[in-house]
Amino acid sequence: MDLGKIIHEKALECGYDNCGVIPLEAFGEYKERLKERIAKFPEAAAVLETPLASLKLN
């Protein structure tokens, strides 16, 4: 069983409705979309930046 499947099953056991695992390369596109959203809604920047501080948006 692959690690993604193990994580998915454990998340379901813990009460999550669903869980997904994505390749690391997908974060580059996610980072760009997040930067666009922050530019569009600057008042939400503090909330949007906090969980992804490690992506270094600037």
C-alpha atoms as a PDB file:
ATOM      1  CA  MET A   1       0.000   0.000   0.000  1.00  0.00           C
ATOM      2  CA  ASP A   2       1.401   3.402  -0.902  1.00  0.00           C
ATOM      3  CA  LEU A   3       1.845   6.218   1.597  1.00  0.00           C
ATOM      4  CA  GLY A   4      -0.913   8.350   0.057  1.00  0.00           C
ATOM      5  CA  LYS A   5      -3.426   5.554   0.575  1.00  0.00           C
ATOM      6  CA  ILE A   6      -2.285   5.066   4.185  1.00  0.00           C
ATOM      7  CA  ILE A   7      -2.704   8.790   4.881  1.00  0.00           C
ATOM      8  CA  HIS A   8      -6.120   8.804   3.214  1.00  0.00           C
ATOM      9  CA  GLU A   9      -7.369   5.861   5.258  1.00  0.00           C
ATOM     10  CA  LYS A  10      -6.037   7.330   8.516  1.00  0.00           C
ATOM     11  CA  ALA A  11      -7.741  10.664   7.798  1.00  0.00           C
ATOM     12  CA  LEU A  12     -11.050   8.871   7.288  1.00  0.00           C
ATOM     13  CA  GLU A  13     -10.537   6.972  10.541  1.00  0.00           C
ATOM     14  CA  CYS A  14      -9.967  10.313  12.298  1.00  0.00           C
ATOM     15  CA  GLY A  15     -13.292  11.672  11.065  1.00  0.00           C
ATOM     16  CA  TYR A  16     -12.331  13.612   7.958  1.00  0.00           C
ATOM     17  CA  ASP A  17     -14.789  13.388   5.070  1.00  0.00           C
ATOM     18  CA  ASN A  18     -11.985  13.113   2.553  1.00  0.00           C
ATOM     19  CA  CYS A  19      -8.253  13.609   2.172  1.00  0.00           C
ATOM     20  CA  GLY A  20      -5.936  13.958  -0.781  1.00  0.00           C
ATOM     21  CA  VAL A  21      -2.228  13.874  -1.449  1.00  0.00           C
ATOM     22  CA  ILE A  22      -0.706  15.921  -4.245  1.00  0.00           C
ATOM     23  CA  PRO A  23       2.782  15.954  -5.747  1.00  0.00           C
ATOM     24  CA  LEU A  24       5.152  18.611  -4.470  1.00  0.00           C
ATOM     25  CA  GLU A  25       5.339  20.170  -7.945  1.00  0.00           C
ATOM     26  CA  ALA A  26       1.667  21.214  -7.640  1.00  0.00           C
ATOM     27  CA  PHE A  27       2.556  23.734  -4.938  1.00  0.00           C
ATOM     28  CA  GLY A  28       4.166  26.062  -7.486  1.00  0.00           C
ATOM     29  CA  GLU A  29       0.834  26.567  -9.241  1.00  0.00           C
ATOM     30  CA  TYR A  30      -0.973  26.773  -5.898  1.00  0.00           C
ATOM     31  CA  LYS A  31       1.475  29.457  -4.738  1.00  0.00           C
ATOM     32  CA  GLU A  32       0.771  31.559  -7.841  1.00  0.00           C
ATOM     33  CA  ARG A  33      -3.006  31.247  -7.405  1.00  0.00           C
ATOM     34  CA  LEU A  34      -2.700  32.190  -3.745  1.00  0.00           C
ATOM     35  CA  LYS A  35      -0.671  35.288  -4.633  1.00  0.00           C
ATOM     36  CA  GLU A  36      -3.379  36.281  -7.148  1.00  0.00           C
ATOM     37  CA  ARG A  37      -6.091  35.842  -4.513  1.00  0.00           C
ATOM     38  CA  ILE A  38      -4.155  37.949  -1.991  1.00  0.00           C
ATOM     39  CA  ALA A  39      -3.751  40.698  -4.608  1.00  0.00           C
ATOM     40  CA  LYS A  40      -7.482  40.585  -5.308  1.00  0.00           C
ATOM     41  CA  PHE A  41      -8.477  40.479  -1.621  1.00  0.00           C
ATOM     42  CA  PRO A  42      -5.680  42.179   0.348  1.00  0.00           C
ATOM     43  CA  GLU A  43      -7.854  42.347   3.462  1.00  0.00           C
ATOM     44  CA  ALA A  44      -7.636  38.554   3.647  1.00  0.00           C
ATOM     45  CA  ALA A  45      -3.830  38.435   3.358  1.00  0.00           C
ATOM     46  CA  ALA A  46      -3.208  37.713   7.042  1.00  0.00           C
ATOM     47  CA  VAL A  47      -5.518  34.710   6.953  1.00  0.00           C
ATOM     48  CA  LEU A  48      -4.321  33.383   3.594  1.00  0.00           C
ATOM     49  CA  GLU A  49      -0.597  33.753   4.263  1.00  0.00           C
ATOM     50  CA  THR A  50      -0.475  32.177   7.721  1.00  0.00           C
ATOM     51  CA  PRO A  51      -0.832  28.479   6.905  1.00  0.00           C
ATOM     52  CA  LEU A  52       1.559  28.729   3.960  1.00  0.00           C
ATOM     53  CA  ALA A  53       4.318  30.891   5.384  1.00  0.00           C
ATOM     54  CA  SER A  54       6.846  28.220   4.401  1.00  0.00           C
ATOM     55  CA  LEU A  55       6.070  28.829   0.697  1.00  0.00           C
ATOM     56  CA  LYS A  56       7.571  32.335   0.979  1.00  0.00           C
ATOM     57  CA  LEU A  57       5.048  34.177  -1.162  1.00  0.00           C
ATOM     58  CA  ASN A  58       7.159  37.303  -1.597  1.00  0.00           C
END
